[in-house]
Protein backbone atom coordinates (compact mmCIF):
# COMPACT_ATOMS: atom_id res chain seq x y z
CA UNK A 1 0.00 0.00 0.00
CA UNK A 2 2.76 2.47 0.92
CA UNK A 3 4.57 1.91 -2.37
CA UNK A 4 1.37 2.39 -4.34
CA UNK A 5 0.64 5.65 -2.53
CA UNK A 6 4.22 6.79 -3.06
CA UNK A 7 4.08 6.00 -6.77
CA UNK A 8 0.82 7.90 -7.22
CA UNK A 9 2.29 10.84 -5.30
CA UNK A 10 5.35 10.83 -7.56
CA UNK A 11 3.05 10.94 -10.59
CA UNK A 12 1.16 13.96 -9.25
CA UNK A 13 4.45 15.60 -8.20
CA UNK A 14 5.92 15.19 -11.69
CA UNK A 15 2.85 16.94 -13.13
CA UNK A 16 3.11 19.86 -10.72
CA UNK A 17 -0.03 18.75 -8.82
CA UNK A 18 1.51 19.31 -5.42
CA UNK A 19 -1.69 19.59 -3.40
CA UNK A 20 -2.66 16.10 -4.57
CA UNK A 21 0.81 14.67 -3.96
CA UNK A 22 1.40 15.89 -0.39
CA UNK A 23 -1.23 13.84 1.50
CA UNK A 24 -0.21 10.71 -0.40
CA UNK A 25 3.45 11.16 0.52
CA UNK A 26 2.44 11.68 4.15
CA UNK A 27 0.25 8.57 4.20
CA UNK A 28 3.06 6.50 2.67
CA UNK A 29 5.50 7.83 5.28
CA UNK A 30 3.14 7.02 8.14
CA UNK A 31 2.55 3.46 6.93
CA UNK A 32 6.26 2.80 6.49
CA UNK A 33 7.18 4.17 9.93
CA UNK A 34 4.51 2.00 11.57
CA UNK A 35 5.30 -1.21 9.71
CA UNK A 36 9.08 -0.98 9.18
CA UNK A 37 10.26 1.21 12.05
CA UNK A 38 11.61 4.76 11.94
CA UNK A 39 15.10 3.86 10.68
CA UNK A 40 14.31 1.77 7.60
CA UNK A 41 15.62 2.89 4.16
CA UNK A 42 12.06 2.97 2.81
CA UNK A 43 11.21 5.52 5.51
CA UNK A 44 14.18 7.55 4.29
CA UNK A 45 12.79 7.41 0.76
CA UNK A 46 9.43 8.75 1.92
CA UNK A 47 11.10 11.53 3.90
CA UNK A 48 13.20 12.46 0.88
CA UNK A 49 10.20 12.56 -1.44
CA UNK A 50 8.19 14.74 0.91
CA UNK A 51 11.20 17.05 1.30
CA UNK A 52 11.53 17.30 -2.49
CA UNK A 53 7.89 18.32 -2.69
CA UNK A 54 8.38 21.08 -0.13
CA UNK A 55 11.55 22.22 -1.88
CA UNK A 56 9.66 22.51 -5.18
CA UNK A 57 7.15 24.75 -3.44
CA UNK A 58 9.79 26.96 -1.82
CA UNK A 59 8.94 25.63 1.67
CA UNK A 60 12.59 25.24 2.57
CA UNK A 61 12.22 25.27 6.36
CA UNK A 62 9.98 22.20 6.12
CA UNK A 63 12.24 20.42 3.64
CA UNK A 64 15.62 20.65 5.41
CA UNK A 65 14.91 18.57 8.55
CA UNK A 66 13.28 15.86 6.43
CA UNK A 67 16.32 15.67 4.17
CA UNK A 68 18.68 15.51 7.13
CA UNK A 69 16.70 12.76 8.83
CA UNK A 70 16.65 10.82 5.56
CA UNK A 71 20.41 11.22 5.17
CA UNK A 72 21.07 9.95 8.70
CA UNK A 73 18.96 6.84 8.10
CA UNK A 74 20.63 6.07 4.77
CA UNK A 75 24.19 6.53 6.02
CA UNK A 76 23.51 4.26 9.00
CA UNK A 77 21.67 1.59 7.02
CA UNK A 78 23.61 1.56 3.73
CA UNK A 79 26.99 3.13 4.48
CA UNK A 80 28.39 6.54 3.52
CA UNK A 81 29.20 5.65 -0.12
CA UNK A 82 25.89 4.23 -1.29
CA UNK A 83 24.16 5.79 -4.33
CA UNK A 84 21.07 6.56 -2.25
CA UNK A 85 23.27 8.57 0.11
CA UNK A 86 24.59 10.47 -2.92
CA UNK A 87 21.05 11.25 -4.03
CA UNK A 88 20.13 12.64 -0.62
CA UNK A 89 23.32 14.73 -0.47
CA UNK A 90 22.51 16.09 -3.91
CA UNK A 91 19.02 17.08 -2.80
CA UNK A 92 20.27 18.85 0.31
CA UNK A 93 22.78 20.72 -1.84
CA UNK A 94 19.95 21.80 -4.15
CA UNK A 95 18.06 23.10 -1.13
CA UNK A 96 21.03 25.22 -0.06
CA UNK A 97 21.66 26.39 -3.60
CA UNK A 98 18.06 27.56 -3.94
CA UNK A 99 18.56 29.71 -0.84
CA UNK A 100 21.87 31.16 -2.05
CA UNK A 101 23.92 29.19 0.47
CA UNK A 102 26.54 28.27 -2.12
CA UNK A 103 29.39 27.48 0.26
CA UNK A 104 27.24 24.88 2.00
CA UNK A 105 26.01 23.39 -1.27
CA UNK A 106 29.30 22.91 -3.15
CA UNK A 107 30.94 20.22 -0.96
CA UNK A 108 27.71 18.22 -0.90
CA UNK A 109 27.43 18.32 -4.70
CA UNK A 110 31.05 17.21 -5.03
CA UNK A 111 30.63 14.37 -2.53
CA UNK A 112 27.51 13.10 -4.30
CA UNK A 113 29.25 13.27 -7.68
CA UNK A 114 32.23 11.29 -6.37
CA UNK A 115 29.97 8.57 -4.94
CA UNK A 116 27.96 8.21 -8.15
CA UNK A 117 31.04 8.08 -10.38
CA UNK A 118 32.60 5.44 -8.13
CA UNK A 119 29.54 3.22 -7.79
CA UNK A 120 27.70 3.72 -11.10
CA UNK A 121 30.40 4.69 -13.57
CA UNK A 122 31.00 8.01 -15.37
CA UNK A 123 28.17 7.62 -17.94
CA UNK A 124 25.20 7.03 -15.66
CA UNK A 125 22.24 9.47 -15.65
CA UNK A 126 22.72 10.12 -11.93
CA UNK A 127 26.26 11.29 -12.68
CA UNK A 128 24.78 13.66 -15.25
CA UNK A 129 22.40 15.03 -12.60
CA UNK A 130 25.29 15.73 -10.25
CA UNK A 131 27.30 17.39 -13.02
CA UNK A 132 24.28 19.47 -14.01
CA UNK A 133 23.61 20.67 -10.48
CA UNK A 134 27.25 21.53 -9.79
CA UNK A 135 27.29 23.50 -13.05
CA UNK A 136 24.19 25.44 -11.95
CA UNK A 137 25.90 26.27 -8.68
CA UNK A 138 28.83 27.76 -10.57
CA UNK A 139 26.53 29.62 -12.97
CA UNK A 140 24.72 31.17 -10.02
CA UNK A 141 28.06 32.69 -9.05
CA UNK A 142 29.02 33.68 -12.65
CA UNK A 143 31.81 31.09 -12.70
CA UNK A 144 31.15 30.22 -16.32
CA UNK A 145 34.50 28.65 -17.12
CA UNK A 146 33.93 26.05 -14.41
CA UNK A 147 30.29 25.52 -15.41
CA UNK A 148 30.47 25.02 -19.18
CA UNK A 149 32.40 21.72 -19.36
CA UNK A 150 30.11 20.27 -16.68
CA UNK A 151 27.01 21.32 -18.64
CA UNK A 152 28.32 19.79 -21.85
CA UNK A 153 29.34 16.54 -20.19
CA UNK A 154 25.93 16.25 -18.48
CA UNK A 155 24.14 16.82 -21.80
CA UNK A 156 26.25 14.19 -23.58
CA UNK A 157 25.65 11.60 -20.86
CA UNK A 158 21.90 12.20 -20.86
CA UNK A 159 21.51 12.10 -24.64
CA UNK A 160 23.40 8.81 -24.78
CA UNK A 161 21.71 7.19 -21.79
CA UNK A 162 18.17 8.54 -22.09
CA UNK A 163 17.70 9.52 -25.74
CA UNK A 164 17.50 12.98 -27.34
CA UNK A 165 13.88 13.72 -26.36
CA UNK A 166 13.95 13.00 -22.63
CA UNK A 167 12.95 15.76 -20.15
CA UNK A 168 16.37 15.53 -18.50
CA UNK A 169 17.96 16.31 -21.86
CA UNK A 170 15.70 19.37 -22.03
CA UNK A 171 16.97 20.44 -18.62
CA UNK A 172 20.59 20.16 -19.76
CA UNK A 173 19.82 22.08 -22.96
CA UNK A 174 18.11 24.78 -20.91
CA UNK A 175 21.07 25.14 -18.58
CA UNK A 176 23.58 25.29 -21.41
CA UNK A 177 21.41 27.91 -23.12
CA UNK A 178 21.36 29.99 -19.92
CA UNK A 179 25.14 29.84 -19.79
CA UNK A 180 25.42 30.93 -23.45
CA UNK A 181 23.01 33.80 -22.85
CA UNK A 182 24.98 34.96 -19.82
CA UNK A 183 28.07 35.19 -22.02
CA UNK A 184 26.32 37.05 -24.84
CA UNK A 185 26.09 34.06 -27.19
CA UNK A 186 22.46 34.79 -28.02
CA UNK A 187 21.98 32.86 -31.27
CA UNK A 188 23.31 29.67 -29.71
CA UNK A 189 21.23 30.23 -26.59
CA UNK A 190 17.97 30.70 -28.52
CA UNK A 191 18.45 27.47 -30.48
CA UNK A 192 19.09 25.48 -27.29
CA UNK A 193 16.13 27.03 -25.47
CA UNK A 194 13.73 26.28 -28.30
CA UNK A 195 14.84 22.67 -28.50
CA UNK A 196 14.35 22.26 -24.75
CA UNK A 197 10.90 23.91 -24.94
CA UNK A 198 9.73 21.48 -27.64
CA UNK A 199 10.84 18.50 -25.54
CA UNK A 200 9.14 19.77 -22.38
CA UNK A 201 5.86 20.65 -24.08
CA UNK A 202 5.76 17.22 -25.71
CA UNK A 203 6.65 15.25 -22.58
CA UNK A 204 5.17 17.37 -19.77
CA UNK A 205 2.27 19.16 -21.43
CA UNK A 206 1.89 22.90 -22.21
CA UNK A 207 1.01 23.97 -18.64
CA UNK A 208 3.79 22.33 -16.64
CA UNK A 209 6.16 24.45 -14.49
CA UNK A 210 9.14 23.24 -16.54
CA UNK A 211 7.51 24.73 -19.63
CA UNK A 212 6.97 27.99 -17.74
CA UNK A 213 10.59 28.04 -16.65
CA UNK A 214 11.81 27.60 -20.21
CA UNK A 215 9.41 30.26 -21.53
CA UNK A 216 10.66 32.63 -18.87
CA UNK A 217 14.25 32.00 -19.91
CA UNK A 218 13.46 32.61 -23.57
CA UNK A 219 11.78 35.89 -22.68
CA UNK A 220 14.81 36.98 -20.69
CA UNK A 221 16.90 36.27 -23.78
CA UNK A 222 14.60 38.40 -25.94
CA UNK A 223 14.49 41.20 -23.36
CA UNK A 224 18.28 41.36 -23.15
CA UNK A 225 18.30 42.02 -26.90
CA UNK A 226 15.53 44.64 -26.75
CA UNK A 227 12.97 42.35 -28.42
CA UNK A 228 10.22 43.41 -26.04
CA UNK A 229 7.28 42.60 -28.31
CA UNK A 230 8.35 38.98 -28.52
CA UNK A 231 9.07 38.78 -24.80
CA UNK A 232 5.87 40.09 -23.18
CA UNK A 233 3.38 37.36 -24.21
CA UNK A 234 5.83 34.65 -23.19
CA UNK A 235 6.35 36.30 -19.79
CA UNK A 236 2.61 36.43 -19.25
CA UNK A 237 2.14 32.80 -20.28
CA UNK A 238 4.89 31.59 -17.92
CA UNK A 239 3.51 33.69 -15.06
CA UNK A 240 0.01 32.30 -15.57
CA UNK A 241 1.31 28.72 -15.50
CA UNK A 242 3.20 29.33 -12.24
CA UNK A 243 0.26 31.03 -10.54
CA UNK A 244 -2.12 28.25 -11.58
CA UNK A 245 0.30 25.53 -10.46
CA UNK A 246 1.86 26.94 -7.29
CA UNK A 247 -0.49 29.65 -6.13
CA UNK A 248 0.28 33.34 -5.98
CA UNK A 249 3.01 33.32 -3.30
CA UNK A 250 5.65 30.98 -4.76
CA UNK A 251 9.23 32.12 -5.49
CA UNK A 252 8.80 31.22 -9.18
CA UNK A 253 5.80 33.56 -9.34
CA UNK A 254 8.01 36.25 -7.83
CA UNK A 255 10.62 35.63 -10.53
CA UNK A 256 7.97 35.94 -13.22
CA UNK A 257 6.65 39.18 -11.74
CA UNK A 258 10.17 40.58 -11.40
CA UNK A 259 11.02 39.79 -15.00
CA UNK A 260 7.79 41.25 -16.35
CA UNK A 261 8.46 44.39 -14.30
CA UNK A 262 11.97 44.61 -15.77
CA UNK A 263 10.44 44.41 -19.24
CA UNK A 264 8.16 47.37 -18.51
CA UNK A 265 10.92 49.36 -16.80
CA UNK A 266 13.23 48.84 -19.78
CA UNK A 267 10.62 50.58 -21.92
CA UNK A 268 10.07 53.41 -19.43
CA UNK A 269 6.67 52.05 -18.35
CA UNK A 270 7.38 52.66 -14.67
CA UNK A 271 3.76 52.82 -13.50
CA UNK A 272 3.22 49.29 -14.81
CA UNK A 273 6.52 48.02 -13.40
CA UNK A 274 6.34 49.32 -9.83
CA UNK A 275 3.49 47.18 -8.42
CA UNK A 276 5.03 44.07 -9.98
CA UNK A 277 8.41 44.77 -8.37
CA UNK A 278 6.75 45.35 -5.00
CA UNK A 279 4.71 42.17 -5.20
CA UNK A 280 7.74 40.09 -6.21
CA UNK A 281 9.78 41.57 -3.34
CA UNK A 282 7.09 40.73 -0.81
CA UNK A 283 6.85 37.13 -2.03
CA UNK A 284 10.63 36.59 -1.97
CA UNK A 285 10.99 38.08 1.51
CA UNK A 286 8.26 35.85 2.87
CA UNK A 287 9.34 32.66 1.10
CA UNK A 288 13.14 32.97 1.18
CA UNK A 289 13.86 35.31 4.06
CA UNK A 290 15.07 38.92 4.03
CA UNK A 291 18.72 38.11 3.23
CA UNK A 292 18.36 35.97 0.11
CA UNK A 293 20.15 36.98 -3.14
CA UNK A 294 16.79 37.17 -4.95
CA UNK A 295 15.64 39.72 -2.38
CA UNK A 296 18.78 41.75 -3.08
CA UNK A 297 18.05 41.62 -6.81
CA UNK A 298 14.47 42.75 -6.26
CA UNK A 299 15.57 45.60 -4.01
CA UNK A 300 18.13 46.77 -6.56
CA UNK A 301 15.55 46.71 -9.36
CA UNK A 302 13.02 48.68 -7.33
CA UNK A 303 15.77 51.13 -6.30
CA UNK A 304 16.58 51.75 -9.95
CA UNK A 305 12.92 52.47 -10.66
CA UNK A 306 12.76 54.92 -7.76
CA UNK A 307 15.88 56.69 -9.01
CA UNK A 308 14.46 57.05 -12.50
CA UNK A 309 11.21 58.46 -11.12
CA UNK A 310 12.88 61.07 -8.89
CA UNK A 311 12.68 59.28 -5.52
CA UNK A 312 16.38 59.38 -4.76
CA UNK A 313 16.21 59.00 -0.97
CA UNK A 314 14.14 55.84 -1.20
CA UNK A 315 16.35 54.52 -3.98
CA UNK A 316 19.46 55.00 -1.85
CA UNK A 317 17.91 53.15 1.10
CA UNK A 318 17.06 50.14 -1.06
CA UNK A 319 20.49 50.10 -2.72
CA UNK A 320 22.17 50.09 0.68
CA UNK A 321 20.03 47.19 1.86
CA UNK A 322 20.74 45.22 -1.32
CA UNK A 323 24.48 45.88 -0.96
CA UNK A 324 24.41 44.65 2.65
CA UNK A 325 22.75 41.39 1.61
CA UNK A 326 25.26 40.82 -1.18
CA UNK A 327 28.17 41.55 1.14
CA UNK A 328 27.13 38.69 3.43
CA UNK A 329 27.24 36.25 0.46
CA UNK A 330 30.85 36.90 -0.57
């Protein structure tokens, strides 16, 4: 019964139906704890899955203790170098990365990668996942030279192991496109983004959060080149998908609002941009805490708007707060 519940929850989770998945994960966890005891590897699996769900929703404070309990069970039951331990380490690292805690995430990513390479070989999909996540960590810190070979190796492993139209291939294409865009290689980035979008729409459906994420990235590419007419409808489509899937207070909704506001501000449409910036800031502060890098970005964007609309004192206050947050992350 627990495995059936877990499998159904995984199905809902993969479709972004988190409200349907959560009670099933909890029921599976309760059954496993009662029948197998609190320290069984299957209990660890249920804890990990529930933590992943919370992480996807930006509920990081709920996710972390579940991940850590899962890791403790797995290390005790299976040993420190088991692939399941690597998977849990990787998930904890993703949690830290999402909160901008890069120094805490990097050694966990590296440990998980070493375990997977040792136990599964260099061409296993789990190795590709570890490479991909470590690359994203470096990209978050603009360390592109370290990130690019990891992105390319992850893509090659996934295409060979999973086929060219697998959602994980789309993820690798999306990440490599983001890296190209960050370095000004726009033509290459657009081609990679569009290929990833086709794969996700075909495999996930047109209203999945992964589709929204890719649309949002394409719009950022267009905006950076001043192609605002092409960008706006894609921003609105991605934002609508996120709001329908996650609700109105999710960090991904904040990102969509922030990016749409930047689009308006770039065209001098400050009255349209300001309420979007303010709403995105409020969501990020509530979901991620007041000292997260995304909060700093939102503050800086709103400060720039205030400066351009003659509110210099308020702009200075926000810039100083953003600078203080960024200083703590160095």
